[in-house]
Amino acid sequence: MSKPDIAPPPLRNDCFALPAGVNWTPVDEALALLKDRLTVVTGVETVPLMQAAGRILAADVSAKRSNPPQPNTAVDGYGFSGPAPDGPCVLPLVEGRAAAGVPFSGDVPRGHAVRVLTGAALPEGVDTVILEEDVTLDQGHIAFRGPLKQGANTRKAGEDVTEGALALPAGRRLTPADLALLSAVGVAEISARKALRVGILSTGDELVEPGDTAGPGQIYDANRPMLLSLVRRIGFDAVDLGCAADDRAALKLHLDQAAQQVDVILTSGGASAGDEDHVSALLSEAGAMQEWRIALKPGRPLALGMWNHTPVFGLPGNPVAAMVCTLIFAHPALSLMAGAGWQEPMGFDVPAAFEKRKKPGRREYLRARIREGRAEVFHSEGSGRISGLSWAEGLVEIQDGAREIKPGDPVRFIPYGSFGL
């Protein structure tokens, strides 16, 4: 029976509130708070298997049929009742053969053999198969040299998945391989989470669209195309909310309209406490604003709040900081709200190809790539160097404490692929 088309209750307005006395929030504490306080916000629908690639399972899926459904042969050859003793073996052939989808009719007497093709159901009286390359065929008999163990070159019924067993768990984002598995065990449709709708909104009078004429003091909006693409690549529905001017009334209208269209809003710019930081100001006026000062480089200010029951992530305006904060904080949070659970990126230790001395107090993420098995970092740590994001293939994470890194020292490299990019 399919699940009803309902969504969980909205998040509370105070879900982002920090404990009293917290000033600078370490990265791990910030992540733990998000993991603890966020919940799934997407509804459920029934989806045909052929249209289910990339969808998130809303419920466990059990096998409707065993795979394989019955014993079959793994090779082309000849089947008989094993085992075969050591030394020469000669067996008469019965008439007919077993092929995939065309089973052999009748039984195979003990001491006889039958022609079998790969994937064919084993006939009655057959539990062992000899490869055709190891056989001499003459005058209706086969000859081969043993020994051969009973069950050789065959597959048992249900040796992959048995009927009624768990095939895939809830929260799984379906891959092409998953579709093959579900089809093999007889599943025609699945209960899936509706796609998380993530709105992307840029803010700032200084921003103009690529292709338009940029006046004095204006820059092209780099964040929106980056974040829209990032959200799509990691498997969510990205909604372009445009660019809002530094005008509180205009921004409020943008947010009001966005809250009716999407499940989550990502803004960039206006997240701090300056005169033109209208995102944080509006969220504060709504009584649902928390400015998390993250002990992080690049980044730090992360405005979190609710607007008409819709979560808002206020990202820094700097594109480098915006992307790092999205990958480290928004990515696992969005995955949780989408129903896929908290997704932690997988990193691995590699030798450094650089030198760096780091002071204690903040976690740092360096734009990096792997060359000849070593992690190179971008030549500048300046957060204004957008080209470093494109140059990089991932991030080197340096933990909160002091660190002096020399070439050859191990560092943790997190490839962009770990975030689904």
Protein backbone atom coordinates (compact mmCIF):
# COMPACT_ATOMS: atom_id res chain seq x y z
CA MET A 1 0.00 0.00 0.00
CA SER A 2 1.47 3.40 -0.97
CA LYS A 3 1.95 6.13 1.59
CA PRO A 4 -0.45 9.12 1.64
CA ASP A 5 0.57 12.36 -0.02
CA ILE A 6 1.40 14.25 3.17
CA ALA A 7 4.36 16.25 4.44
CA PRO A 8 5.88 16.41 7.93
CA PRO A 9 5.05 19.42 10.14
CA PRO A 10 7.11 22.58 9.51
CA LEU A 11 10.20 23.38 11.52
CA ARG A 12 9.80 25.51 14.63
CA ASN A 13 10.86 29.16 14.52
CA ASP A 14 13.41 28.54 17.27
CA CYS A 15 15.09 25.51 15.70
CA PHE A 16 18.28 27.46 14.95
CA ALA A 17 18.63 29.05 18.38
CA LEU A 18 22.09 28.65 19.90
CA PRO A 19 22.65 27.77 23.56
CA ALA A 20 23.01 30.75 25.89
CA GLY A 21 26.49 32.23 26.04
CA VAL A 22 27.67 30.86 22.70
CA ASN A 23 29.74 33.37 20.73
CA TRP A 24 32.01 31.65 18.24
CA THR A 25 30.66 28.29 17.17
CA PRO A 26 33.14 25.55 16.22
CA VAL A 27 32.37 23.80 12.94
CA ASP A 28 31.63 20.44 14.56
CA GLU A 29 29.22 22.00 17.07
CA ALA A 30 27.42 23.91 14.32
CA LEU A 31 27.03 20.71 12.30
CA ALA A 32 25.80 18.79 15.35
CA LEU A 33 23.18 21.48 16.05
CA LEU A 34 21.89 21.36 12.48
CA LYS A 35 21.78 17.56 12.54
CA ASP A 36 19.89 17.54 15.82
CA ARG A 37 17.34 20.24 15.04
CA LEU A 38 16.45 19.81 11.39
CA THR A 39 13.84 17.32 10.21
CA VAL A 40 12.47 16.00 6.93
CA VAL A 41 10.23 18.59 5.23
CA THR A 42 9.31 16.79 2.00
CA GLY A 43 6.13 14.84 1.27
CA VAL A 44 5.80 11.35 -0.21
CA GLU A 45 4.57 10.09 -3.57
CA THR A 46 4.48 6.84 -5.53
CA VAL A 47 6.88 6.75 -8.48
CA PRO A 48 7.21 4.13 -11.27
CA LEU A 49 10.59 2.43 -11.15
CA MET A 50 11.49 3.60 -14.66
CA GLN A 51 11.18 7.21 -13.46
CA ALA A 52 12.83 6.73 -10.07
CA ALA A 53 16.50 7.46 -10.83
CA GLY A 54 17.86 9.98 -8.35
CA ARG A 55 14.78 9.84 -6.12
CA ILE A 56 15.03 9.30 -2.37
CA LEU A 57 13.25 6.27 -0.92
CA ALA A 58 10.60 7.19 1.65
CA ALA A 59 10.27 3.62 2.91
CA ASP A 60 12.26 0.40 3.00
CA VAL A 61 11.87 -1.73 -0.12
CA SER A 62 11.58 -5.51 0.26
CA ALA A 63 12.20 -8.03 -2.49
CA LYS A 64 9.02 -9.31 -4.09
CA ARG A 65 10.96 -12.18 -5.64
CA SER A 66 14.26 -13.90 -4.98
CA ASN A 67 17.25 -13.16 -7.17
CA PRO A 68 18.00 -15.52 -8.80
CA PRO A 69 14.42 -16.83 -8.62
CA GLN A 70 15.65 -20.42 -9.08
CA PRO A 71 19.00 -22.25 -9.42
CA ASN A 72 20.66 -21.51 -12.74
CA THR A 73 23.88 -22.00 -14.63
CA ALA A 74 26.60 -19.35 -14.59
CA VAL A 75 28.27 -20.53 -17.83
CA ASP A 76 27.67 -22.25 -21.14
CA GLY A 77 28.40 -25.93 -20.70
CA TYR A 78 26.91 -29.25 -19.65
CA GLY A 79 24.94 -29.98 -16.52
CA PHE A 80 24.76 -33.18 -14.48
CA SER A 81 24.47 -34.42 -10.92
CA GLY A 82 27.80 -33.82 -9.18
CA PRO A 83 30.38 -34.11 -7.86
CA ALA A 84 32.70 -35.52 -10.56
CA PRO A 85 35.50 -37.80 -9.33
CA ASP A 86 39.18 -37.27 -9.99
CA GLY A 87 40.26 -38.50 -13.43
CA PRO A 88 38.52 -38.97 -16.80
CA CYS A 89 34.70 -38.76 -16.84
CA VAL A 90 32.44 -39.77 -19.74
CA LEU A 91 28.67 -39.07 -19.62
CA PRO A 92 25.94 -39.69 -22.21
CA LEU A 93 23.88 -36.66 -23.27
CA VAL A 94 20.11 -36.49 -23.08
CA GLU A 95 18.19 -34.91 -25.93
CA GLY A 96 17.40 -31.20 -25.70
CA ARG A 97 18.94 -28.29 -23.86
CA ALA A 98 18.23 -25.61 -21.22
CA ALA A 99 18.50 -21.94 -22.21
CA ALA A 100 17.66 -18.68 -20.45
CA GLY A 101 13.89 -18.32 -20.60
CA VAL A 102 13.51 -21.74 -22.26
CA PRO A 103 13.76 -24.39 -19.54
CA PHE A 104 14.53 -28.06 -20.20
CA SER A 105 11.46 -30.26 -20.16
CA GLY A 106 11.87 -33.36 -18.02
CA ASP A 107 14.49 -34.80 -15.67
CA VAL A 108 18.14 -35.61 -16.28
CA PRO A 109 18.89 -39.13 -15.02
CA ARG A 110 21.88 -39.57 -12.74
CA GLY A 111 24.99 -40.40 -14.75
CA HIS A 112 23.75 -38.35 -17.72
CA ALA A 113 24.37 -34.76 -18.83
CA VAL A 114 22.42 -32.06 -20.67
CA ARG A 115 23.44 -29.02 -22.70
CA VAL A 116 22.93 -25.79 -20.67
CA LEU A 117 23.44 -22.14 -21.61
CA THR A 118 24.29 -19.23 -19.31
CA GLY A 119 21.36 -18.10 -17.18
CA ALA A 120 19.26 -21.20 -17.82
CA ALA A 121 17.28 -22.69 -14.94
CA LEU A 122 18.92 -25.94 -13.84
CA PRO A 123 16.84 -28.95 -14.94
CA GLU A 124 15.69 -31.50 -12.39
CA GLY A 125 18.61 -33.81 -11.66
CA VAL A 126 21.27 -31.15 -12.39
CA ASP A 127 23.31 -29.36 -9.71
CA THR A 128 26.76 -29.05 -11.31
CA VAL A 129 27.99 -27.62 -14.64
CA ILE A 130 31.23 -28.21 -16.54
CA LEU A 131 32.42 -25.43 -18.88
CA GLU A 132 32.09 -26.28 -22.56
CA GLU A 133 35.76 -25.32 -23.06
CA ASP A 134 36.73 -28.22 -20.77
CA VAL A 135 34.66 -30.80 -22.64
CA THR A 136 35.18 -33.09 -25.64
CA LEU A 137 31.92 -33.89 -27.45
CA ASP A 138 31.56 -37.03 -29.57
CA GLN A 139 28.71 -39.40 -30.55
CA GLY A 140 26.24 -38.05 -28.02
CA HIS A 141 28.69 -38.20 -25.10
CA ILE A 142 30.88 -35.69 -23.29
CA ALA A 143 34.30 -36.36 -21.82
CA PHE A 144 36.13 -34.18 -19.30
CA ARG A 145 38.66 -34.54 -16.53
CA GLY A 146 37.66 -34.28 -12.86
CA PRO A 147 37.58 -33.55 -10.07
CA LEU A 148 34.71 -31.07 -10.08
CA LYS A 149 32.92 -30.00 -6.90
CA GLN A 150 29.19 -30.37 -6.58
CA GLY A 151 27.53 -27.03 -7.41
CA ALA A 152 30.39 -25.81 -9.59
CA ASN A 153 29.49 -23.06 -12.09
CA THR A 154 25.95 -22.69 -10.79
CA ARG A 155 24.03 -20.04 -8.87
CA LYS A 156 21.73 -20.90 -5.96
CA ALA A 157 18.19 -19.54 -5.79
CA GLY A 158 18.16 -16.35 -3.73
CA GLU A 159 21.94 -16.29 -3.28
CA ASP A 160 21.84 -12.55 -4.10
CA VAL A 161 18.56 -11.49 -2.44
CA THR A 162 15.81 -13.69 -1.01
CA GLU A 163 12.11 -12.94 -1.32
CA GLY A 164 10.91 -10.70 1.53
CA ALA A 165 14.43 -9.53 2.43
CA LEU A 166 15.37 -5.86 2.60
CA ALA A 167 16.51 -4.76 -0.85
CA LEU A 168 17.16 -1.06 -0.14
CA PRO A 169 16.59 1.10 2.96
CA ALA A 170 14.57 4.28 3.33
CA GLY A 171 16.65 7.39 2.71
CA ARG A 172 18.59 5.85 -0.15
CA ARG A 173 19.01 8.06 -3.23
CA LEU A 174 18.47 5.66 -6.10
CA THR A 175 21.35 5.02 -8.49
CA PRO A 176 21.22 3.24 -11.87
CA ALA A 177 22.55 0.11 -10.12
CA ASP A 178 19.72 0.36 -7.58
CA LEU A 179 17.16 0.37 -10.39
CA ALA A 180 18.69 -2.85 -11.73
CA LEU A 181 18.45 -4.46 -8.29
CA LEU A 182 14.85 -3.39 -7.66
CA SER A 183 13.77 -4.55 -11.09
CA ALA A 184 15.46 -7.92 -10.58
CA VAL A 185 13.52 -8.50 -7.35
CA GLY A 186 10.18 -7.62 -8.94
CA VAL A 187 9.64 -4.04 -7.73
CA ALA A 188 7.65 -1.93 -10.21
CA GLU A 189 7.13 1.24 -8.18
CA ILE A 190 8.56 2.85 -5.07
CA SER A 191 7.47 5.26 -2.35
CA ALA A 192 9.69 8.31 -2.82
CA ARG A 193 10.22 11.65 -1.19
CA LYS A 194 9.09 14.57 -3.27
CA ALA A 195 12.05 16.53 -4.58
CA LEU A 196 13.31 19.18 -2.16
CA ARG A 197 12.73 22.61 -3.71
CA VAL A 198 15.64 24.92 -2.94
CA GLY A 199 15.31 28.60 -3.82
CA ILE A 200 18.44 30.61 -4.65
CA LEU A 201 18.31 34.37 -4.05
CA SER A 202 21.13 36.88 -4.49
CA THR A 203 21.04 40.26 -2.78
CA GLY A 204 22.85 43.53 -3.36
CA ASP A 205 22.65 46.76 -5.37
CA GLU A 206 26.10 46.05 -6.75
CA LEU A 207 25.01 42.92 -8.65
CA VAL A 208 24.12 42.80 -12.33
CA GLU A 209 23.27 39.87 -14.57
CA PRO A 210 26.05 38.41 -16.74
CA GLY A 211 25.75 40.00 -20.17
CA ASP A 212 24.30 43.26 -18.88
CA THR A 213 26.35 46.43 -18.71
CA ALA A 214 28.10 46.81 -15.36
CA GLY A 215 28.31 50.39 -14.14
CA PRO A 216 30.86 51.88 -11.73
CA GLY A 217 31.01 49.86 -8.52
CA GLN A 218 28.92 47.02 -9.94
CA ILE A 219 29.90 43.37 -10.33
CA TYR A 220 28.37 40.38 -12.06
CA ASP A 221 26.35 37.96 -9.94
CA ALA A 222 28.62 34.93 -9.58
CA ASN A 223 26.79 33.28 -6.69
CA ARG A 224 23.43 32.55 -8.28
CA PRO A 225 24.63 30.50 -11.27
CA MET A 226 27.09 28.68 -9.00
CA LEU A 227 24.52 27.82 -6.33
CA LEU A 228 21.75 26.91 -8.78
CA SER A 229 24.09 24.50 -10.52
CA LEU A 230 25.40 23.11 -7.23
CA VAL A 231 21.90 22.44 -5.91
CA ARG A 232 20.90 20.67 -9.13
CA ARG A 233 24.07 18.57 -9.19
CA ILE A 234 23.51 17.26 -5.67
CA GLY A 235 20.01 16.16 -6.61
CA PHE A 236 17.49 18.81 -5.59
CA ASP A 237 15.11 21.06 -7.52
CA ALA A 238 16.76 24.46 -7.84
CA VAL A 239 14.45 27.46 -8.14
CA ASP A 240 15.90 30.74 -9.40
CA LEU A 241 14.57 33.52 -7.17
CA GLY A 242 16.52 36.23 -8.96
CA CYS A 243 18.38 39.10 -7.37
CA ALA A 244 16.95 41.47 -4.75
CA ALA A 245 18.13 45.05 -4.39
CA ASP A 246 19.31 46.46 -1.06
CA ASP A 247 15.80 47.54 -0.22
CA ARG A 248 14.02 45.98 2.73
CA ALA A 249 10.54 46.14 1.22
CA ALA A 250 11.71 44.58 -2.06
CA LEU A 251 13.57 41.83 -0.23
CA LYS A 252 10.54 41.12 1.95
CA LEU A 253 8.42 40.66 -1.19
CA HIS A 254 11.03 38.28 -2.60
CA LEU A 255 11.00 36.22 0.57
CA ASP A 256 7.19 36.20 0.80
CA GLN A 257 6.92 34.87 -2.75
CA ALA A 258 9.77 32.40 -2.25
CA ALA A 259 8.19 30.89 0.87
CA GLN A 260 5.16 29.91 -1.25
CA GLN A 261 7.30 28.21 -3.92
CA VAL A 262 10.10 26.37 -2.16
CA ASP A 263 10.99 24.25 0.88
CA VAL A 264 14.29 25.98 1.69
CA ILE A 265 15.78 29.35 0.75
CA LEU A 266 19.49 29.99 0.22
CA THR A 267 20.42 33.66 0.09
CA SER A 268 23.86 35.12 -0.52
CA GLY A 269 24.88 38.51 0.80
CA GLY A 270 23.24 40.60 3.50
CA ALA A 271 23.79 37.97 6.18
CA SER A 272 25.92 39.99 8.58
CA ALA A 273 25.01 43.00 10.76
CA GLY A 274 25.84 46.01 8.58
CA ASP A 275 23.56 48.81 7.40
CA GLU A 276 22.75 47.01 4.16
CA ASP A 277 22.49 43.49 5.60
CA HIS A 278 18.75 43.28 5.07
CA VAL A 279 18.46 39.46 5.12
CA SER A 280 19.55 39.24 8.74
CA ALA A 281 17.54 42.37 9.62
CA LEU A 282 14.30 40.95 8.18
CA LEU A 283 14.80 37.60 9.84
CA SER A 284 15.42 39.38 13.14
CA GLU A 285 12.23 41.40 12.73
CA ALA A 286 10.35 38.15 12.11
CA GLY A 287 11.65 36.86 15.42
CA ALA A 288 13.35 33.88 13.83
CA MET A 289 16.94 34.88 13.18
CA GLN A 290 20.20 33.47 14.48
CA GLU A 291 23.58 34.68 13.34
CA TRP A 292 26.01 31.85 13.77
CA ARG A 293 29.54 33.17 13.89
CA ILE A 294 31.32 30.05 12.73
CA ALA A 295 34.98 29.51 13.59
CA LEU A 296 35.66 28.92 9.91
CA LYS A 297 37.86 30.22 7.11
CA PRO A 298 36.59 31.19 4.60
CA GLY A 299 33.18 32.11 5.90
CA ARG A 300 32.20 32.96 9.48
CA PRO A 301 28.79 34.70 9.38
CA LEU A 302 25.96 32.27 8.65
CA ALA A 303 22.47 33.70 9.12
CA LEU A 304 19.88 31.03 9.87
CA GLY A 305 16.19 31.62 10.34
CA MET A 306 12.61 30.97 9.31
CA TRP A 307 10.45 32.98 6.96
CA ASN A 308 6.78 31.99 6.92
CA HIS A 309 7.79 28.53 8.18
CA THR A 310 10.42 28.18 5.46
CA PRO A 311 14.06 27.66 6.54
CA VAL A 312 16.48 30.32 5.31
CA PHE A 313 20.24 29.87 5.05
CA GLY A 314 21.86 33.28 4.75
CA LEU A 315 25.23 32.63 3.09
CA PRO A 316 28.14 35.08 2.87
CA GLY A 317 28.20 37.21 -0.26
CA ASN A 318 31.75 36.27 -1.18
CA PRO A 319 31.51 33.42 -3.75
CA VAL A 320 34.37 31.42 -2.23
CA ALA A 321 32.86 31.64 1.25
CA ALA A 322 29.37 31.01 -0.15
CA MET A 323 30.45 27.79 -1.84
CA VAL A 324 32.42 26.51 1.16
CA CYS A 325 29.53 27.23 3.55
CA THR A 326 27.09 25.55 1.16
CA LEU A 327 29.20 22.42 0.91
CA ILE A 328 30.06 22.15 4.62
CA PHE A 329 26.75 23.27 6.18
CA ALA A 330 23.91 23.50 3.66
CA HIS A 331 24.68 20.26 1.81
CA PRO A 332 24.18 17.89 4.77
CA ALA A 333 21.27 20.00 6.06
CA LEU A 334 19.49 19.91 2.71
CA SER A 335 20.05 16.15 2.44
CA LEU A 336 18.47 15.64 5.86
CA MET A 337 15.46 17.83 5.03
CA ALA A 338 15.06 16.00 1.71
CA GLY A 339 14.78 12.64 3.47
CA ALA A 340 18.22 11.26 2.57
CA GLY A 341 19.62 11.59 6.08
CA TRP A 342 22.66 13.53 7.23
CA GLN A 343 25.32 13.21 4.52
CA GLU A 344 28.90 13.60 5.70
CA PRO A 345 31.50 14.02 2.95
CA MET A 346 34.12 11.31 2.60
CA GLY A 347 37.70 12.49 2.73
CA PHE A 348 41.01 10.68 2.71
CA ASP A 349 44.54 11.40 3.86
CA VAL A 350 47.12 12.23 1.22
CA PRO A 351 50.61 13.75 1.38
CA ALA A 352 50.72 17.54 1.17
CA ALA A 353 52.49 19.22 -1.73
CA PHE A 354 52.56 22.55 0.12
CA GLU A 355 53.70 24.31 3.27
CA LYS A 356 51.42 26.12 5.69
CA ARG A 357 51.46 27.36 9.27
CA LYS A 358 48.03 27.69 10.84
CA LYS A 359 47.07 29.37 14.10
CA PRO A 360 44.57 27.72 16.46
CA GLY A 361 40.94 28.78 16.71
CA ARG A 362 39.38 28.27 13.29
CA ARG A 363 38.91 25.40 10.89
CA GLU A 364 40.24 26.13 7.43
CA TYR A 365 39.26 24.84 4.02
CA LEU A 366 41.79 25.28 1.24
CA ARG A 367 40.95 24.93 -2.43
CA ALA A 368 42.92 21.91 -3.55
CA ARG A 369 43.47 19.24 -6.16
CA ILE A 370 45.42 15.97 -6.40
CA ARG A 371 48.43 15.69 -8.66
CA GLU A 372 50.77 12.67 -8.60
CA GLY A 373 49.13 11.47 -5.41
CA ARG A 374 49.75 14.71 -3.48
CA ALA A 375 47.43 17.56 -2.52
CA GLU A 376 48.22 20.88 -4.16
CA VAL A 377 46.52 24.02 -2.88
CA PHE A 378 45.64 27.17 -4.78
CA HIS A 379 48.46 29.71 -4.78
CA SER A 380 46.38 32.27 -2.89
CA GLU A 381 44.08 31.82 0.11
CA GLY A 382 42.33 35.11 -0.69
CA SER A 383 38.59 34.54 -0.65
CA GLY A 384 38.16 36.95 -3.55
CA ARG A 385 40.00 34.60 -5.92
CA ILE A 386 37.01 32.91 -7.54
CA SER A 387 39.26 31.23 -10.11
CA GLY A 388 40.55 29.01 -7.29
CA LEU A 389 37.15 27.35 -7.01
CA SER A 390 37.31 26.37 -10.67
CA TRP A 391 40.98 25.36 -10.43
CA ALA A 392 40.29 23.09 -7.47
CA GLU A 393 38.91 19.55 -7.47
CA GLY A 394 38.07 19.57 -3.78
CA LEU A 395 39.01 20.99 -0.40
CA VAL A 396 41.80 20.35 2.06
CA GLU A 397 40.37 20.47 5.59
CA ILE A 398 42.65 21.64 8.40
CA GLN A 399 41.22 21.07 11.85
CA ASP A 400 40.68 23.77 14.49
CA GLY A 401 43.99 23.50 16.34
CA ALA A 402 47.39 24.90 15.42
CA ARG A 403 49.12 23.09 12.59
CA GLU A 404 52.40 23.37 10.75
CA ILE A 405 52.26 21.50 7.48
CA LYS A 406 55.32 20.60 5.45
CA PRO A 407 55.51 18.78 2.11
CA GLY A 408 54.82 15.10 2.63
CA ASP A 409 52.77 15.57 5.82
CA PRO A 410 49.31 13.93 5.70
CA VAL A 411 46.34 16.24 5.09
CA ARG A 412 42.65 15.45 4.64
CA PHE A 413 41.43 15.96 1.09
CA ILE A 414 37.67 16.04 0.40
CA PRO A 415 36.96 15.72 -3.34
CA TYR A 416 34.07 17.68 -4.80
CA GLY A 417 32.66 14.28 -5.77
CA SER A 418 32.01 13.56 -2.08
CA PHE A 419 29.41 16.33 -2.21
CA GLY A 420 27.81 14.89 -5.35
CA LEU A 421 29.48 17.42 -7.68
